C-alpha atoms as a PDB file:
ATOM      1  CA  UNK A   1      99.726 103.923  79.186  1.00  0.00           C
ATOM      2  CA  UNK A   2     101.633 101.967  76.238  1.00  0.00           C
ATOM      3  CA  UNK A   3      98.515  99.980  75.537  1.00  0.00           C
ATOM      4  CA  UNK A   4      98.094  98.202  79.003  1.00  0.00           C
ATOM      5  CA  UNK A   5      95.384  98.801  81.420  1.00  0.00           C
ATOM      6  CA  UNK A   6      96.422 100.329  84.632  1.00  0.00           C
ATOM      7  CA  UNK A   7      93.818  99.038  87.755  1.00  0.00           C
ATOM      8  CA  UNK A   8      93.494 101.484  90.381  1.00  0.00           C
ATOM      9  CA  UNK A   9      95.228 104.337  88.886  1.00  0.00           C
ATOM     10  CA  UNK A  10      94.507 106.419  91.632  1.00  0.00           C
ATOM     11  CA  UNK A  11      95.769 104.059  94.409  1.00  0.00           C
ATOM     12  CA  UNK A  12      98.543 106.141  96.752  1.00  0.00           C
ATOM     13  CA  UNK A  13     101.445 104.536  96.938  1.00  0.00           C
ATOM     14  CA  UNK A  14     103.599 106.817  98.563  1.00  0.00           C
ATOM     15  CA  UNK A  15     102.149 108.280 101.875  1.00  0.00           C
ATOM     16  CA  UNK A  16     104.386 110.942 102.049  1.00  0.00           C
ATOM     17  CA  UNK A  17     104.260 112.516  98.762  1.00  0.00           C
ATOM     18  CA  UNK A  18     101.281 111.311  97.839  1.00  0.00           C
ATOM     19  CA  UNK A  19     102.500 110.058  94.532  1.00  0.00           C
ATOM     20  CA  UNK A  20      99.600 107.606  93.159  1.00  0.00           C
ATOM     21  CA  UNK A  21     100.473 104.542  90.876  1.00  0.00           C
ATOM     22  CA  UNK A  22      99.266 106.519  87.601  1.00  0.00           C
ATOM     23  CA  UNK A  23     102.142 108.818  88.966  1.00  0.00           C
ATOM     24  CA  UNK A  24     104.985 106.186  89.228  1.00  0.00           C
ATOM     25  CA  UNK A  25     103.503 104.851  85.252  1.00  0.00           C
ATOM     26  CA  UNK A  26     104.073 108.200  83.491  1.00  0.00           C
ATOM     27  CA  UNK A  27     107.531 108.126  85.156  1.00  0.00           C
ATOM     28  CA  UNK A  28     108.423 104.552  83.455  1.00  0.00           C
ATOM     29  CA  UNK A  29     107.042 105.965  80.569  1.00  0.00           C
ATOM     30  CA  UNK A  30     108.880 109.636  80.005  1.00  0.00           C
ATOM     31  CA  UNK A  31     112.054 108.147  81.417  1.00  0.00           C
ATOM     32  CA  UNK A  32     112.342 104.439  79.167  1.00  0.00           C
ATOM     33  CA  UNK A  33     114.906 106.053  76.721  1.00  0.00           C
ATOM     34  CA  UNK A  34     117.038 106.200  79.875  1.00  0.00           C
ATOM     35  CA  UNK A  35     116.208 103.493  81.794  1.00  0.00           C
ATOM     36  CA  UNK A  36     115.538 100.301  79.249  1.00  0.00           C
ATOM     37  CA  UNK A  37     119.260 100.648  77.621  1.00  0.00           C
ATOM     38  CA  UNK A  38     120.287  99.533  82.159  1.00  0.00           C
ATOM     39  CA  UNK A  39     117.857  96.557  81.451  1.00  0.00           C
ATOM     40  CA  UNK A  40     118.404  95.234  78.081  1.00  0.00           C
ATOM     41  CA  UNK A  41     119.098  91.716  78.712  1.00  0.00           C
ATOM     42  CA  UNK A  42     120.200  91.967  82.653  1.00  0.00           C
ATOM     43  CA  UNK A  43     118.256  89.171  84.428  1.00  0.00           C
ATOM     44  CA  UNK A  44     116.069  92.014  86.464  1.00  0.00           C
ATOM     45  CA  UNK A  45     114.539  91.140  89.937  1.00  0.00           C
ATOM     46  CA  UNK A  46     111.544  93.524  90.848  1.00  0.00           C
ATOM     47  CA  UNK A  47     110.432  95.084  94.717  1.00  0.00           C
ATOM     48  CA  UNK A  48     106.474  94.944  94.242  1.00  0.00           C
ATOM     49  CA  UNK A  49     104.482  97.051  96.934  1.00  0.00           C
ATOM     50  CA  UNK A  50     100.601  95.835  96.265  1.00  0.00           C
ATOM     51  CA  UNK A  51      99.813  97.879  99.336  1.00  0.00           C
ATOM     52  CA  UNK A  52     101.853 100.847  98.593  1.00  0.00           C
ATOM     53  CA  UNK A  53     105.600 101.693 100.193  1.00  0.00           C
ATOM     54  CA  UNK A  54     103.704 101.402 103.548  1.00  0.00           C
ATOM     55  CA  UNK A  55     102.851  97.385 103.520  1.00  0.00           C
ATOM     56  CA  UNK A  56     104.931  94.591 102.687  1.00  0.00           C
ATOM     57  CA  UNK A  57     107.032  94.698 100.008  1.00  0.00           C
ATOM     58  CA  UNK A  58     107.967  91.788  98.029  1.00  0.00           C
ATOM     59  CA  UNK A  59     111.586  90.816  96.023  1.00  0.00           C
ATOM     60  CA  UNK A  60     110.779  88.595  93.034  1.00  0.00           C
ATOM     61  CA  UNK A  61     113.762  87.316  91.211  1.00  0.00           C
ATOM     62  CA  UNK A  62     111.950  84.798  89.029  1.00  0.00           C
ATOM     63  CA  UNK A  63     109.064  84.719  86.688  1.00  0.00           C
ATOM     64  CA  UNK A  64     106.143  82.648  88.469  1.00  0.00           C
ATOM     65  CA  UNK A  65     102.509  82.193  88.546  1.00  0.00           C
ATOM     66  CA  UNK A  66     102.024  86.223  89.574  1.00  0.00           C
ATOM     67  CA  UNK A  67     103.053  86.560  85.108  1.00  0.00           C
ATOM     68  CA  UNK A  68     104.251  90.152  84.643  1.00  0.00           C
ATOM     69  CA  UNK A  69     103.185  91.617  81.231  1.00  0.00           C
ATOM     70  CA  UNK A  70     105.363  91.488  78.489  1.00  0.00           C
ATOM     71  CA  UNK A  71     108.359  90.716  80.314  1.00  0.00           C
ATOM     72  CA  UNK A  72     110.911  87.999  78.452  1.00  0.00           C
ATOM     73  CA  UNK A  73     111.212  85.115  80.165  1.00  0.00           C
ATOM     74  CA  UNK A  74     114.121  82.946  80.275  1.00  0.00           C
ATOM     75  CA  UNK A  75     114.355  79.327  81.094  1.00  0.00           C
ATOM     76  CA  UNK A  76     117.428  76.979  82.642  1.00  0.00           C
ATOM     77  CA  UNK A  77     119.910  79.952  83.450  1.00  0.00           C
ATOM     78  CA  UNK A  78     119.583  79.625  87.123  1.00  0.00           C
ATOM     79  CA  UNK A  79     119.537  76.310  87.987  1.00  0.00           C
ATOM     80  CA  UNK A  80     116.864  75.314  89.979  1.00  0.00           C
ATOM     81  CA  UNK A  81     114.656  77.637  89.734  1.00  0.00           C
ATOM     82  CA  UNK A  82     112.145  79.444  87.203  1.00  0.00           C
ATOM     83  CA  UNK A  83     112.774  81.431  84.464  1.00  0.00           C
ATOM     84  CA  UNK A  84     114.825  84.543  84.840  1.00  0.00           C
ATOM     85  CA  UNK A  85     113.258  87.823  83.570  1.00  0.00           C
ATOM     86  CA  UNK A  86     114.335  90.854  81.511  1.00  0.00           C
ATOM     87  CA  UNK A  87     112.603  94.081  80.713  1.00  0.00           C
ATOM     88  CA  UNK A  88     112.754  95.367  76.791  1.00  0.00           C
ATOM     89  CA  UNK A  89     110.375  97.525  76.304  1.00  0.00           C
ATOM     90  CA  UNK A  90     108.042 100.705  77.354  1.00  0.00           C
ATOM     91  CA  UNK A  91     105.148  97.404  77.899  1.00  0.00           C
ATOM     92  CA  UNK A  92     107.493  95.762  79.685  1.00  0.00           C
ATOM     93  CA  UNK A  93     108.624  98.336  82.446  1.00  0.00           C
ATOM     94  CA  UNK A  94     104.823  99.794  82.619  1.00  0.00           C
ATOM     95  CA  UNK A  95     103.446  96.010  82.947  1.00  0.00           C
ATOM     96  CA  UNK A  96     105.585  95.640  85.740  1.00  0.00           C
ATOM     97  CA  UNK A  97     103.985  98.896  87.409  1.00  0.00           C
ATOM     98  CA  UNK A  98     100.572  97.550  86.959  1.00  0.00           C
ATOM     99  CA  UNK A  99     101.665  95.010  89.010  1.00  0.00           C
ATOM    100  CA  UNK A 100     102.763  97.236  91.483  1.00  0.00           C
ATOM    101  CA  UNK A 101     106.843  97.137  90.800  1.00  0.00           C
ATOM    102  CA  UNK A 102     108.282  99.757  91.806  1.00  0.00           C
ATOM    103  CA  UNK A 103     112.114  99.037  91.952  1.00  0.00           C
ATOM    104  CA  UNK A 104     114.018  96.812  89.038  1.00  0.00           C
ATOM    105  CA  UNK A 105     117.456  95.612  90.245  1.00  0.00           C
ATOM    106  CA  UNK A 106     119.853  94.042  87.656  1.00  0.00           C
ATOM    107  CA  UNK A 107     121.983  91.468  87.463  1.00  0.00           C
ATOM    108  CA  UNK A 108     126.270  91.952  86.198  1.00  0.00           C
ATOM    109  CA  UNK A 109     126.071  89.854  83.559  1.00  0.00           C
ATOM    110  CA  UNK A 110     123.226  89.631  80.598  1.00  0.00           C
ATOM    111  CA  UNK A 111     121.479  87.037  79.329  1.00  0.00           C
ATOM    112  CA  UNK A 112     123.688  86.577  76.385  1.00  0.00           C
ATOM    113  CA  UNK A 113     126.907  85.237  78.493  1.00  0.00           C
ATOM    114  CA  UNK A 114     125.297  84.932  82.044  1.00  0.00           C
ATOM    115  CA  UNK A 115     128.835  83.050  83.239  1.00  0.00           C
ATOM    116  CA  UNK A 116     130.839  86.396  82.161  1.00  0.00           C
ATOM    117  CA  UNK A 117     129.740  89.397  84.782  1.00  0.00           C
ATOM    118  CA  UNK A 118     130.316  92.718  82.883  1.00  0.00           C
ATOM    119  CA  UNK A 119     130.905  95.290  85.668  1.00  0.00           C
ATOM    120  CA  UNK A 120     131.640  95.341  89.128  1.00  0.00           C
ATOM    121  CA  UNK A 121     129.582  97.368  91.405  1.00  0.00           C
ATOM    122  CA  UNK A 122     130.708  98.747  94.848  1.00  0.00           C
ATOM    123  CA  UNK A 123     127.878  99.965  97.408  1.00  0.00           C
ATOM    124  CA  UNK A 124     129.042 102.436  99.696  1.00  0.00           C
ATOM    125  CA  UNK A 125     126.513 102.066 102.828  1.00  0.00           C
ATOM    126  CA  UNK A 126     127.022 104.481 105.650  1.00  0.00           C
ATOM    127  CA  UNK A 127     126.238 104.605 109.135  1.00  0.00           C
ATOM    128  CA  UNK A 128     123.217 106.593 109.148  1.00  0.00           C
ATOM    129  CA  UNK A 129     124.770 109.288 111.536  1.00  0.00           C
ATOM    130  CA  UNK A 130     127.455 109.792 109.290  1.00  0.00           C
ATOM    131  CA  UNK A 131     127.433 113.621 107.597  1.00  0.00           C
ATOM    132  CA  UNK A 132     126.776 113.151 103.517  1.00  0.00           C
ATOM    133  CA  UNK A 133     130.603 115.019 102.553  1.00  0.00           C
ATOM    134  CA  UNK A 134     131.620 111.444 104.299  1.00  0.00           C
ATOM    135  CA  UNK A 135     130.047 109.443 101.390  1.00  0.00           C
ATOM    136  CA  UNK A 136     131.501 112.427  99.133  1.00  0.00           C
ATOM    137  CA  UNK A 137     135.087 111.065 100.470  1.00  0.00           C
ATOM    138  CA  UNK A 138     134.795 107.623  99.973  1.00  0.00           C
ATOM    139  CA  UNK A 139     133.312 107.972  96.527  1.00  0.00           C
ATOM    140  CA  UNK A 140     136.204 109.766  95.523  1.00  0.00           C
ATOM    141  CA  UNK A 141     139.132 107.969  97.643  1.00  0.00           C
ATOM    142  CA  UNK A 142     137.191 104.265  96.207  1.00  0.00           C
ATOM    143  CA  UNK A 143     137.611 105.867  92.604  1.00  0.00           C
ATOM    144  CA  UNK A 144     141.146 106.770  93.206  1.00  0.00           C
ATOM    145  CA  UNK A 145     141.486 103.433  94.520  1.00  0.00           C
ATOM    146  CA  UNK A 146     140.202 102.059  91.430  1.00  0.00           C
ATOM    147  CA  UNK A 147     142.397 104.707  89.438  1.00  0.00           C
ATOM    148  CA  UNK A 148     145.387 103.527  90.750  1.00  0.00           C
ATOM    149  CA  UNK A 149     144.754  99.894  90.086  1.00  0.00           C
ATOM    150  CA  UNK A 150     144.220 100.933  86.365  1.00  0.00           C
ATOM    151  CA  UNK A 151     140.432 100.815  86.362  1.00  0.00           C
ATOM    152  CA  UNK A 152     138.179 103.691  85.419  1.00  0.00           C
ATOM    153  CA  UNK A 153     135.390 104.132  86.748  1.00  0.00           C
ATOM    154  CA  UNK A 154     131.710 105.971  87.011  1.00  0.00           C
ATOM    155  CA  UNK A 155     129.366 106.981  90.004  1.00  0.00           C
ATOM    156  CA  UNK A 156     125.638 107.168  90.757  1.00  0.00           C
ATOM    157  CA  UNK A 157     123.554 108.030  93.554  1.00  0.00           C
ATOM    158  CA  UNK A 158     121.791 104.532  94.740  1.00  0.00           C
ATOM    159  CA  UNK A 159     118.254 106.098  95.311  1.00  0.00           C
ATOM    160  CA  UNK A 160     118.696 105.591  99.131  1.00  0.00           C
ATOM    161  CA  UNK A 161     121.260 106.928 101.852  1.00  0.00           C
ATOM    162  CA  UNK A 162     124.192 106.151  99.472  1.00  0.00           C
ATOM    163  CA  UNK A 163     126.929 106.142  96.698  1.00  0.00           C
ATOM    164  CA  UNK A 164     127.577 103.012  94.050  1.00  0.00           C
ATOM    165  CA  UNK A 165     130.436 103.343  92.076  1.00  0.00           C
ATOM    166  CA  UNK A 166     130.973 100.954  89.159  1.00  0.00           C
ATOM    167  CA  UNK A 167     133.764  99.512  87.085  1.00  0.00           C
ATOM    168  CA  UNK A 168     133.004  98.324  83.319  1.00  0.00           C
ATOM    169  CA  UNK A 169     134.748  95.207  82.426  1.00  0.00           C
ATOM    170  CA  UNK A 170     135.128  92.880  79.174  1.00  0.00           C
ATOM    171  CA  UNK A 171     133.472  89.726  79.992  1.00  0.00           C
ATOM    172  CA  UNK A 172     136.735  87.767  80.834  1.00  0.00           C
ATOM    173  CA  UNK A 173     136.360  87.149  84.507  1.00  0.00           C
ATOM    174  CA  UNK A 174     134.398  84.542  86.132  1.00  0.00           C
ATOM    175  CA  UNK A 175     132.185  85.190  88.821  1.00  0.00           C
ATOM    176  CA  UNK A 176     134.511  84.121  91.092  1.00  0.00           C
ATOM    177  CA  UNK A 177     136.730  85.842  90.410  1.00  0.00           C
ATOM    178  CA  UNK A 178     135.109  88.981  89.681  1.00  0.00           C
ATOM    179  CA  UNK A 179     133.606  88.968  93.371  1.00  0.00           C
ATOM    180  CA  UNK A 180     137.101  87.879  94.967  1.00  0.00           C
ATOM    181  CA  UNK A 181     138.594  91.024  93.305  1.00  0.00           C
ATOM    182  CA  UNK A 182     135.669  93.069  94.584  1.00  0.00           C
ATOM    183  CA  UNK A 183     135.967  91.818  97.911  1.00  0.00           C
ATOM    184  CA  UNK A 184     139.918  92.581  98.091  1.00  0.00           C
ATOM    185  CA  UNK A 185     139.657  95.892  97.165  1.00  0.00           C
ATOM    186  CA  UNK A 186     136.642  96.436 100.006  1.00  0.00           C
ATOM    187  CA  UNK A 187     139.449  94.724 101.828  1.00  0.00           C
ATOM    188  CA  UNK A 188     142.083  96.960 101.354  1.00  0.00           C
ATOM    189  CA  UNK A 189     139.955 100.091 102.117  1.00  0.00           C
ATOM    190  CA  UNK A 190     139.371  98.876 105.216  1.00  0.00           C
ATOM    191  CA  UNK A 191     142.648  97.803 106.318  1.00  0.00           C
ATOM    192  CA  UNK A 192     144.182 101.266 105.135  1.00  0.00           C
ATOM    193  CA  UNK A 193     141.432 103.532 106.233  1.00  0.00           C
ATOM    194  CA  UNK A 194     139.842 101.451 109.262  1.00  0.00           C
ATOM    195  CA  UNK A 195     138.827 104.853 110.855  1.00  0.00           C
ATOM    196  CA  UNK A 196     136.485 105.546 107.653  1.00  0.00           C
ATOM    197  CA  UNK A 197     136.075 101.761 105.967  1.00  0.00           C
ATOM    198  CA  UNK A 198     134.572  98.492 106.902  1.00  0.00           C
ATOM    199  CA  UNK A 199     134.270  95.352 104.857  1.00  0.00           C
ATOM    200  CA  UNK A 200     132.141  93.623 106.953  1.00  0.00           C
ATOM    201  CA  UNK A 201     128.475  93.842 106.756  1.00  0.00           C
ATOM    202  CA  UNK A 202     125.921  94.592 109.353  1.00  0.00           C
ATOM    203  CA  UNK A 203     125.122  97.683 111.427  1.00  0.00           C
ATOM    204  CA  UNK A 204     127.820  97.129 114.520  1.00  0.00           C
ATOM    205  CA  UNK A 205     130.659  96.709 111.614  1.00  0.00           C
ATOM    206  CA  UNK A 206     130.267 100.304 110.352  1.00  0.00           C
ATOM    207  CA  UNK A 207     129.561 102.393 113.488  1.00  0.00           C
ATOM    208  CA  UNK A 208     130.845 105.861 112.070  1.00  0.00           C
ATOM    209  CA  UNK A 209     132.381 103.987 108.760  1.00  0.00           C
ATOM    210  CA  UNK A 210     131.202 103.129 105.563  1.00  0.00           C
ATOM    211  CA  UNK A 211     130.607  99.226 104.368  1.00  0.00           C
ATOM    212  CA  UNK A 212     131.940  98.541 101.155  1.00  0.00           C
ATOM    213  CA  UNK A 213     129.260  96.181  99.625  1.00  0.00           C
ATOM    214  CA  UNK A 214     131.254  93.959  97.578  1.00  0.00           C
ATOM    215  CA  UNK A 215     128.913  90.868  98.293  1.00  0.00           C
ATOM    216  CA  UNK A 216     126.606  92.568  95.098  1.00  0.00           C
ATOM    217  CA  UNK A 217     129.296  91.142  92.877  1.00  0.00           C
ATOM    218  CA  UNK A 218     128.573  87.236  92.701  1.00  0.00           C
ATOM    219  CA  UNK A 219     126.233  85.047  90.730  1.00  0.00           C
ATOM    220  CA  UNK A 220     123.024  86.247  91.183  1.00  0.00           C
ATOM    221  CA  UNK A 221     123.289  89.083  93.355  1.00  0.00           C
ATOM    222  CA  UNK A 222     121.511  92.370  92.042  1.00  0.00           C
ATOM    223  CA  UNK A 223     121.596  95.858  92.585  1.00  0.00           C
ATOM    224  CA  UNK A 224     119.193  98.959  91.634  1.00  0.00           C
ATOM    225  CA  UNK A 225     118.914  99.561  88.521  1.00  0.00           C
ATOM    226  CA  UNK A 226     120.390 103.407  87.218  1.00  0.00           C
ATOM    227  CA  UNK A 227     116.871 105.663  86.452  1.00  0.00           C
ATOM    228  CA  UNK A 228     115.211 102.986  88.939  1.00  0.00           C
ATOM    229  CA  UNK A 229     113.144 104.216  91.893  1.00  0.00           C
ATOM    230  CA  UNK A 230     113.822 103.149  95.214  1.00  0.00           C
ATOM    231  CA  UNK A 231     110.216 101.638  97.228  1.00  0.00           C
ATOM    232  CA  UNK A 232     110.822 104.515 100.475  1.00  0.00           C
ATOM    233  CA  UNK A 233     109.283 107.422 101.430  1.00  0.00           C
ATOM    234  CA  UNK A 234     109.491 110.228  98.308  1.00  0.00           C
ATOM    235  CA  UNK A 235     110.300 107.813  95.680  1.00  0.00           C
ATOM    236  CA  UNK A 236     114.234 108.402  95.516  1.00  0.00           C
ATOM    237  CA  UNK A 237     115.907 107.191  91.947  1.00  0.00           C
ATOM    238  CA  UNK A 238     119.169 106.059  91.060  1.00  0.00           C
ATOM    239  CA  UNK A 239     120.796 108.393  89.184  1.00  0.00           C
ATOM    240  CA  UNK A 240     124.081 108.046  87.239  1.00  0.00           C
ATOM    241  CA  UNK A 241     126.064 111.661  87.852  1.00  0.00           C
ATOM    242  CA  UNK A 242     129.475 113.012  86.146  1.00  0.00           C
ATOM    243  CA  UNK A 243     132.382 113.094  88.777  1.00  0.00           C
ATOM    244  CA  UNK A 244     132.816 116.428  88.297  1.00  0.00           C
ATOM    245  CA  UNK A 245     129.276 116.681  89.672  1.00  0.00           C
ATOM    246  CA  UNK A 246     129.818 114.771  93.006  1.00  0.00           C
ATOM    247  CA  UNK A 247     130.403 117.348  95.511  1.00  0.00           C
ATOM    248  CA  UNK A 248     127.274 119.359  94.510  1.00  0.00           C
ATOM    249  CA  UNK A 249     125.258 116.680  95.414  1.00  0.00           C
ATOM    250  CA  UNK A 250     123.704 116.542  98.702  1.00  0.00           C
ATOM    251  CA  UNK A 251     121.973 112.856  99.232  1.00  0.00           C
ATOM    252  CA  UNK A 252     121.165 109.397  97.864  1.00  0.00           C
ATOM    253  CA  UNK A 253     117.798 109.942  97.223  1.00  0.00           C
ATOM    254  CA  UNK A 254     118.323 113.871  96.022  1.00  0.00           C
ATOM    255  CA  UNK A 255     116.144 113.174  92.743  1.00  0.00           C
ATOM    256  CA  UNK A 256     113.111 111.469  92.541  1.00  0.00           C
ATOM    257  CA  UNK A 257     110.046 110.509  90.622  1.00  0.00           C
ATOM    258  CA  UNK A 258     109.107 113.902  90.814  1.00  0.00           C
ATOM    259  CA  UNK A 259     111.850 115.552  90.244  1.00  0.00           C
ATOM    260  CA  UNK A 260     114.060 114.106  88.410  1.00  0.00           C
ATOM    261  CA  UNK A 261     112.711 114.784  85.085  1.00  0.00           C
ATOM    262  CA  UNK A 262     114.184 118.670  85.811  1.00  0.00           C
ATOM    263  CA  UNK A 263     117.759 117.154  85.703  1.00  0.00           C
ATOM    264  CA  UNK A 264     116.950 114.520  82.472  1.00  0.00           C
ATOM    265  CA  UNK A 265     115.753 117.935  80.891  1.00  0.00           C
ATOM    266  CA  UNK A 266     119.283 119.893  81.363  1.00  0.00           C
ATOM    267  CA  UNK A 267     121.510 116.954  80.626  1.00  0.00           C
ATOM    268  CA  UNK A 268     123.438 118.283  77.403  1.00  0.00           C
ATOM    269  CA  UNK A 269     125.366 114.587  77.012  1.00  0.00           C
ATOM    270  CA  UNK A 270     124.923 111.417  78.861  1.00  0.00           C
ATOM    271  CA  UNK A 271     126.786 111.870  82.354  1.00  0.00           C
ATOM    272  CA  UNK A 272     128.092 108.301  82.068  1.00  0.00           C
ATOM    273  CA  UNK A 273     129.842 109.090  78.381  1.00  0.00           C
ATOM    274  CA  UNK A 274     131.907 106.362  77.672  1.00  0.00           C
ATOM    275  CA  UNK A 275     131.245 103.767  79.849  1.00  0.00           C
ATOM    276  CA  UNK A 276     130.215 101.878  77.101  1.00  0.00           C
ATOM    277  CA  UNK A 277     132.899 101.705  75.387  1.00  0.00           C
ATOM    278  CA  UNK A 278     135.245 100.815  78.014  1.00  0.00           C
ATOM    279  CA  UNK A 279     137.099  97.920  77.845  1.00  0.00           C
ATOM    280  CA  UNK A 280     138.598  96.357  81.178  1.00  0.00           C
ATOM    281  CA  UNK A 281     140.133  93.361  82.143  1.00  0.00           C
ATOM    282  CA  UNK A 282     140.728  92.392  86.360  1.00  0.00           C
ATOM    283  CA  UNK A 283     144.499  91.116  85.766  1.00  0.00           C
ATOM    284  CA  UNK A 284     146.651  89.042  87.959  1.00  0.00           C
ATOM    285  CA  UNK A 285     149.000  92.487  88.804  1.00  0.00           C
ATOM    286  CA  UNK A 286     146.092  94.867  90.335  1.00  0.00           C
ATOM    287  CA  UNK A 287     145.280  91.446  92.274  1.00  0.00           C
ATOM    288  CA  UNK A 288     148.729  91.331  93.872  1.00  0.00           C
ATOM    289  CA  UNK A 289     149.009  95.030  94.695  1.00  0.00           C
ATOM    290  CA  UNK A 290     145.841  94.002  96.350  1.00  0.00           C
ATOM    291  CA  UNK A 291     147.545  92.090  98.163  1.00  0.00           C
END
C-alpha cells in the first residue's frame, strides 16, 4: 500500500455498501493519476471518519498533533493557524486514508500564490424535493450566463446531491474581488429567475429552488476535489464531465468508489480538456453587466 502499513484494513466504513477501509485505500491507489493533479500545491482539508461514515466526522483543515503521513506542511500561509497541508503523492493520499480520511477539499488557490485564486466554483445546491432535470437545467443556465459574460466553464458532479460549475482564472484577482464577482453572478441568477434560483443560504431560502452557493470563493473556503469521494452512504465521487454528457448524468452521486473505474476505463480523453490552458480574467465590463 504505497509503503504504508494500513491498520484495521477490514473495518467497514460504509455499512450501506459493505465498503471497507482497504477498499478505499485501493480506490486511492487506482485513481491517483486523476486525483493527484487536482490536489497539486492546493491547500487541502480532509474529512476523517474514524468510526466510519455513520459515526462522527472530523473536518481537518490544518496540520495538527495527529499528523497525516507524507502530507506536506506549509507554515505561515494561514495566519493564526497551524500549517496548511498539501497532498502531492500516492503515499500522501494513502496516508490520509490510513488516518481515516475520506474526503479531500481544496482551496481555490495554490500555495505558490496563495492570495490569487485560480478558479471560481459555483456549487449548485438543490432543494432535495427537486427532480434531477432541474439540476441539469440549472447547470446549463449557469454556463450560459458565464459564456455571455465571456467566461468558459466546466462541470463536475459533487458526489452528493448537486453539480459544480467551475471557471478557471488567470491568477490576477484578489480573493475579495473573486468572491464579489461570484456573488454578483449568484444574485443576478436569483433576481432574473427567482422561481429557480436563490442566492441566500439556508433550507427555507431554497424551497423549490437551487441555491447558487458562491461562498466557496472566499479565502480559506474549500470545495470537494474532483475524483475525491464523499463520506456518505455509497461513497459517491465528485466527477468531471463534458457538457455534452450532462443530460445523460443521472445524479450527483452517479459514480462511486465502487464503480468509477468503469467510467475511467472507457475515457478516451480528459473530460475537462482545455481547462488547464484557459487563461481568463474577471473584468470591470463583466461586473458591470451583472449590475
